[in-house]
Protein backbone atom coordinates (compact mmCIF):
# COMPACT_ATOMS: atom_id res chain seq x y z
CA MET A 1 -4.84 7.44 53.09
CA ALA A 2 -6.16 5.39 50.18
CA ARG A 3 -4.07 2.45 49.05
CA GLU A 4 -2.79 2.48 45.50
CA LYS A 5 -4.25 -0.23 43.29
CA THR A 6 -1.87 -2.86 42.06
CA PRO A 7 -2.06 -3.19 38.26
CA GLY A 8 -3.85 -6.39 37.32
CA LYS A 9 -2.88 -8.85 34.66
CA ALA A 10 -5.11 -7.21 32.05
CA SER A 11 -3.30 -3.89 32.38
CA THR A 12 0.21 -5.32 32.43
CA ARG A 13 -0.22 -7.90 29.69
CA ARG A 14 1.27 -6.74 26.42
CA GLU A 15 -1.45 -6.83 23.77
CA LYS A 16 -0.65 -8.52 20.48
CA ILE A 17 -0.56 -6.72 17.14
CA THR A 18 -3.66 -7.82 15.24
CA VAL A 19 -3.35 -8.64 11.54
CA VAL A 20 -5.71 -9.32 8.63
CA ILE A 21 -4.28 -11.12 5.59
CA ALA A 22 -5.78 -10.67 2.12
CA ASP A 23 -4.46 -12.95 -0.62
CA ASP A 24 -6.22 -14.43 -3.64
CA HIS A 25 -4.47 -17.75 -2.97
CA ARG A 26 -6.21 -18.67 0.25
CA SER A 27 -3.80 -21.53 0.97
CA PHE A 28 -0.91 -19.04 0.90
CA GLY A 29 -2.78 -16.67 3.20
CA GLU A 30 -3.52 -19.46 5.66
CA ALA A 31 0.10 -20.64 5.58
CA LEU A 32 1.18 -17.08 6.31
CA GLN A 33 -1.31 -16.97 9.17
CA ILE A 34 0.22 -20.07 10.75
CA ALA A 35 3.71 -18.62 10.42
CA LEU A 36 2.87 -15.18 11.84
CA ASP A 37 0.81 -16.62 14.70
CA LYS A 38 4.00 -18.28 15.93
CA GLU A 39 5.40 -14.80 16.61
CA HIS A 40 4.85 -13.98 20.28
CA ASP A 41 3.45 -10.51 19.61
CA LEU A 42 1.37 -11.07 16.45
CA SER A 43 -2.14 -12.43 16.01
CA VAL A 44 -3.83 -13.00 12.63
CA ILE A 45 -7.57 -12.49 13.19
CA GLU A 46 -8.85 -13.19 9.66
CA VAL A 47 -7.74 -14.37 6.23
CA VAL A 48 -9.72 -13.23 3.16
CA ASP A 49 -9.17 -13.81 -0.55
CA ASP A 50 -10.28 -10.67 -2.36
CA GLY A 51 -9.98 -6.91 -2.09
CA THR A 52 -13.64 -6.25 -1.27
CA ASP A 53 -13.51 -8.58 1.73
CA ALA A 54 -10.19 -7.03 2.77
CA VAL A 55 -11.82 -3.60 3.03
CA ARG A 56 -14.83 -5.05 4.86
CA SER A 57 -12.64 -6.94 7.32
CA ALA A 58 -10.38 -3.96 7.98
CA LEU A 59 -13.35 -1.68 8.67
CA ASP A 60 -15.28 -4.20 10.77
CA GLN A 61 -12.42 -5.61 12.82
CA ALA A 62 -10.04 -2.63 12.81
CA PRO A 63 -6.82 -4.69 12.85
CA ASP A 64 -3.56 -2.95 13.53
CA VAL A 65 -2.11 -4.07 10.20
CA VAL A 66 -3.50 -5.41 6.91
CA ILE A 67 -1.21 -7.48 4.69
CA MET A 68 -2.71 -6.87 1.25
CA ASP A 69 -1.92 -8.91 -1.86
CA LEU A 70 -1.23 -6.68 -4.87
CA LYS A 71 -3.28 -8.71 -7.37
CA MET A 72 -6.69 -9.97 -6.31
CA PRO A 73 -10.02 -10.54 -8.08
CA ASN A 74 -12.69 -7.83 -8.19
CA VAL A 75 -10.63 -5.23 -6.33
CA ASP A 76 -6.82 -5.30 -6.33
CA GLY A 77 -4.64 -4.43 -3.37
CA ILE A 78 -3.95 -0.86 -4.47
CA GLU A 79 -7.63 -0.01 -4.99
CA ALA A 80 -8.60 -1.79 -1.76
CA THR A 81 -6.05 0.33 0.12
CA ARG A 82 -7.47 3.51 -1.43
CA ARG A 83 -11.02 2.51 -0.50
CA LEU A 84 -9.95 1.68 3.03
CA ARG A 85 -8.42 5.14 3.45
CA GLU A 86 -11.42 6.87 1.86
CA GLU A 87 -13.77 5.10 4.29
CA GLY A 88 -11.74 6.12 7.32
CA GLY A 89 -9.90 2.88 7.99
CA ARG A 90 -6.90 3.42 10.25
CA SER A 91 -5.16 0.06 9.83
CA ALA A 92 -1.61 0.21 8.52
CA VAL A 93 -1.37 -1.54 5.15
CA ILE A 94 1.52 -3.52 3.73
CA ILE A 95 1.21 -4.43 0.05
CA LEU A 96 2.45 -7.95 -0.70
CA SER A 97 3.26 -9.38 -4.13
CA GLY A 98 5.13 -12.18 -5.83
CA GLU A 99 6.81 -9.65 -8.09
CA GLY A 100 7.21 -5.92 -8.06
CA ASP A 101 9.17 -2.91 -9.17
CA GLU A 102 9.52 0.78 -8.37
CA VAL A 103 6.17 1.55 -10.01
CA ALA A 104 4.40 -0.96 -7.75
CA LEU A 105 6.02 0.61 -4.68
CA GLY A 106 5.04 4.09 -5.87
CA LEU A 107 1.43 3.02 -6.36
CA ALA A 108 1.39 1.41 -2.91
CA ILE A 109 2.74 4.53 -1.19
CA GLU A 110 0.39 6.83 -3.12
CA ALA A 111 -2.60 4.70 -2.13
CA GLY A 112 -1.70 5.06 1.54
CA ALA A 113 0.18 1.84 2.26
CA ARG A 114 3.20 1.80 4.55
CA GLY A 115 5.19 -0.02 1.95
CA PHE A 116 5.67 -2.95 -0.40
CA ILE A 117 6.99 -6.40 0.49
CA ARG A 118 7.72 -9.34 -1.82
CA LYS A 119 6.14 -12.71 -1.10
CA THR A 120 9.61 -14.23 -1.15
CA THR A 121 10.56 -12.15 1.91
CA PRO A 122 11.39 -14.40 4.90
CA VAL A 123 8.58 -14.58 7.45
CA THR A 124 10.81 -13.12 10.15
CA ASP A 125 11.40 -10.04 7.99
CA LEU A 126 7.69 -9.75 7.20
CA ALA A 127 6.93 -9.97 10.91
CA ASP A 128 9.40 -7.13 11.53
CA ALA A 129 7.71 -5.12 8.76
CA VAL A 130 4.36 -5.62 10.51
CA ARG A 131 5.86 -4.30 13.74
CA HIS A 132 7.39 -1.28 11.98
CA ALA A 133 4.11 -0.52 10.19
CA HIS A 134 2.17 -0.77 13.45
CA ARG A 135 4.53 1.73 15.07
CA GLY A 136 4.13 4.08 12.10
CA GLU A 137 7.73 3.64 11.03
CA PRO A 138 8.75 3.72 7.33
CA LEU A 139 9.50 0.44 5.59
CA HIS A 140 11.61 2.10 2.88
CA ARG A 141 14.36 4.67 2.74
CA PRO A 142 13.25 8.16 1.59
CA ALA A 143 15.43 7.96 -1.54
CA GLU A 144 13.80 4.65 -2.47
CA VAL A 145 10.33 6.13 -2.04
CA ASN A 146 11.22 9.19 -4.10
CA ARG A 147 12.52 7.02 -6.96
CA ALA A 148 9.39 4.89 -6.82
CA LEU A 149 7.06 7.88 -6.95
CA ALA A 150 9.03 9.34 -9.86
CA ALA A 151 8.84 6.03 -11.73
CA MET A 152 5.10 5.85 -11.10
CA ARG A 153 4.57 9.38 -12.43
CA GLN A 154 6.66 8.59 -15.52
CA ARG A 155 4.63 5.43 -16.15
CA SER A 156 1.44 7.46 -15.84
CA THR A 157 2.73 10.01 -18.37
CA ASN A 158 3.77 7.26 -20.78
CA ASP A 159 0.41 5.53 -20.44
CA LYS A 160 -1.47 8.75 -21.21
CA GLU A 161 0.54 9.19 -24.40
CA LEU A 162 0.03 5.54 -25.34
CA ALA A 163 -3.71 5.85 -24.67
CA ARG A 164 -3.81 8.87 -26.99
CA ARG A 165 -2.10 6.90 -29.77
CA VAL A 166 -4.29 3.84 -29.32
CA GLY A 167 -7.31 6.13 -29.39
CA ARG A 168 -6.43 7.07 -32.98
CA LEU A 169 -6.96 3.48 -34.20
CA THR A 170 -10.08 2.70 -36.18
CA PRO A 171 -12.48 -0.12 -35.18
CA ARG A 172 -11.10 -2.19 -38.08
CA GLU A 173 -7.52 -1.67 -36.91
CA LEU A 174 -8.47 -2.70 -33.37
CA GLU A 175 -10.17 -5.79 -34.81
CA ILE A 176 -6.96 -6.69 -36.61
CA LEU A 177 -4.95 -6.22 -33.40
CA GLN A 178 -7.34 -8.51 -31.53
CA HIS A 179 -6.78 -11.25 -34.09
CA MET A 180 -3.03 -10.70 -33.80
CA ALA A 181 -3.27 -10.95 -30.01
CA GLU A 182 -4.99 -14.31 -30.43
CA GLY A 183 -2.02 -15.52 -32.44
CA SER A 184 -3.79 -15.73 -35.80
CA SER A 185 -1.64 -15.82 -38.92
CA THR A 186 -1.74 -13.17 -41.63
CA GLU A 187 -3.60 -15.55 -43.94
CA THR A 188 -6.19 -16.39 -41.27
CA ILE A 189 -6.80 -12.73 -40.36
CA ALA A 190 -7.24 -11.73 -44.01
CA GLU A 191 -9.68 -14.59 -44.58
CA ARG A 192 -11.71 -13.91 -41.43
CA LEU A 193 -12.00 -10.20 -42.21
CA GLY A 194 -12.69 -10.73 -45.91
CA MET A 195 -9.74 -8.69 -47.19
CA SER A 196 -6.69 -9.31 -49.31
CA ARG A 197 -3.26 -9.78 -47.78
CA HIS A 198 -2.19 -6.54 -49.44
CA THR A 199 -5.03 -4.63 -47.74
CA LEU A 200 -4.15 -6.25 -44.42
CA ARG A 201 -0.51 -5.18 -44.81
CA THR A 202 -1.69 -1.61 -45.45
CA HIS A 203 -3.82 -1.66 -42.29
CA THR A 204 -0.92 -3.13 -40.32
CA GLN A 205 1.47 -0.41 -41.48
CA ASN A 206 -1.08 2.24 -40.52
CA ILE A 207 -1.33 0.67 -37.05
CA LEU A 208 2.46 0.75 -36.59
CA THR A 209 2.61 4.37 -37.72
CA LYS A 210 -0.18 5.54 -35.43
CA LEU A 211 1.32 3.76 -32.43
CA ALA A 212 4.89 4.83 -33.28
CA VAL A 213 6.16 1.26 -32.89
CA HIS A 214 8.35 -0.89 -35.13
CA SER A 215 6.76 -4.33 -34.95
CA LYS A 216 3.42 -6.09 -34.74
CA THR A 217 4.44 -7.49 -31.37
CA GLU A 218 4.90 -3.98 -29.95
CA ALA A 219 1.53 -2.96 -31.39
CA VAL A 220 -0.23 -5.92 -29.80
CA VAL A 221 1.42 -5.22 -26.43
CA ALA A 222 0.25 -1.60 -26.62
CA ALA A 223 -3.33 -2.66 -27.41
CA ILE A 224 -3.34 -5.18 -24.55
CA ARG A 225 -1.86 -2.64 -22.15
CA MET A 226 -4.65 -0.20 -22.94
CA GLY A 227 -7.33 -2.90 -22.66
CA LYS A 228 -8.13 -2.83 -26.39
CA ALA A 229 -7.06 -6.41 -27.09
CA THR A 230 -7.15 -9.59 -25.05
CA PRO A 231 -4.92 -12.65 -25.51
CA PRO A 232 -6.48 -16.13 -25.30
CA GLY A 233 -7.17 -17.17 -21.70
CA LEU A 234 -7.39 -13.60 -20.37
CA ALA A 235 -10.94 -12.82 -21.44
CA HIS A 236 -12.85 -10.78 -18.89
CA ARG A 237 -9.78 -10.30 -16.70
CA PRO A 238 -9.37 -6.72 -15.43
CA VAL A 239 -6.58 -4.36 -16.33
CA ASP A 240 -4.16 -4.01 -13.40
CA GLU A 241 -3.28 -0.92 -11.39
CA ALA A 242 -0.79 0.35 -13.94
CA GLY A 243 -3.06 -0.24 -16.90
CA ALA A 244 -1.56 -3.55 -18.00
CA ALA A 245 -3.17 -6.95 -18.16
CA PRO A 246 -2.18 -8.89 -15.05
């Protein structure tokens, strides 16, 4: 009668949950790596600092969990999660951000993430979230997810209507809004565009009417949200996942 083999160390050893961290602040990602590596059952195998590298790392290394920063250069966390799912990546994704709301959670869930965690969350709680995500367990109550998805759909509807209104603006009106976004005074805008203050006031009133807003500030915010105006210091920065400047 053949003797049964005694399980060796390799078969009895509990394997660690592997993690990739993607955060545009590399120092934060590395600090998080140090903290999570202290957990007996977690192992961070790579830290990257943009969404493109996050997708590459997840596909190449197939970690159990990816902790994905919401806002990153080139490709943000939501789009990176979508790409990872489209390319067959099976890693569980947790979206991480310094700030967030129901819309952000809705976008994360829709993209295929397990959930949304704030950067201010204690490391012990984040470690627990990694374990839950690895086991395929939800990180949020169903009611919370439903509210988030509803808020996301409402934001999408509102943005479509706002885009329609902004689309009615003429090139001259958009030029005026850009100058307003830069903080230029009425006198300066009129001088730069070679028009009288009276003509500028007429254009401004037309802008407010078309956008259905009550102030120049609201008009500028709408133009920035739709990517039609850029405040100083934000040139060439992408519009975020909800259509607003980050």
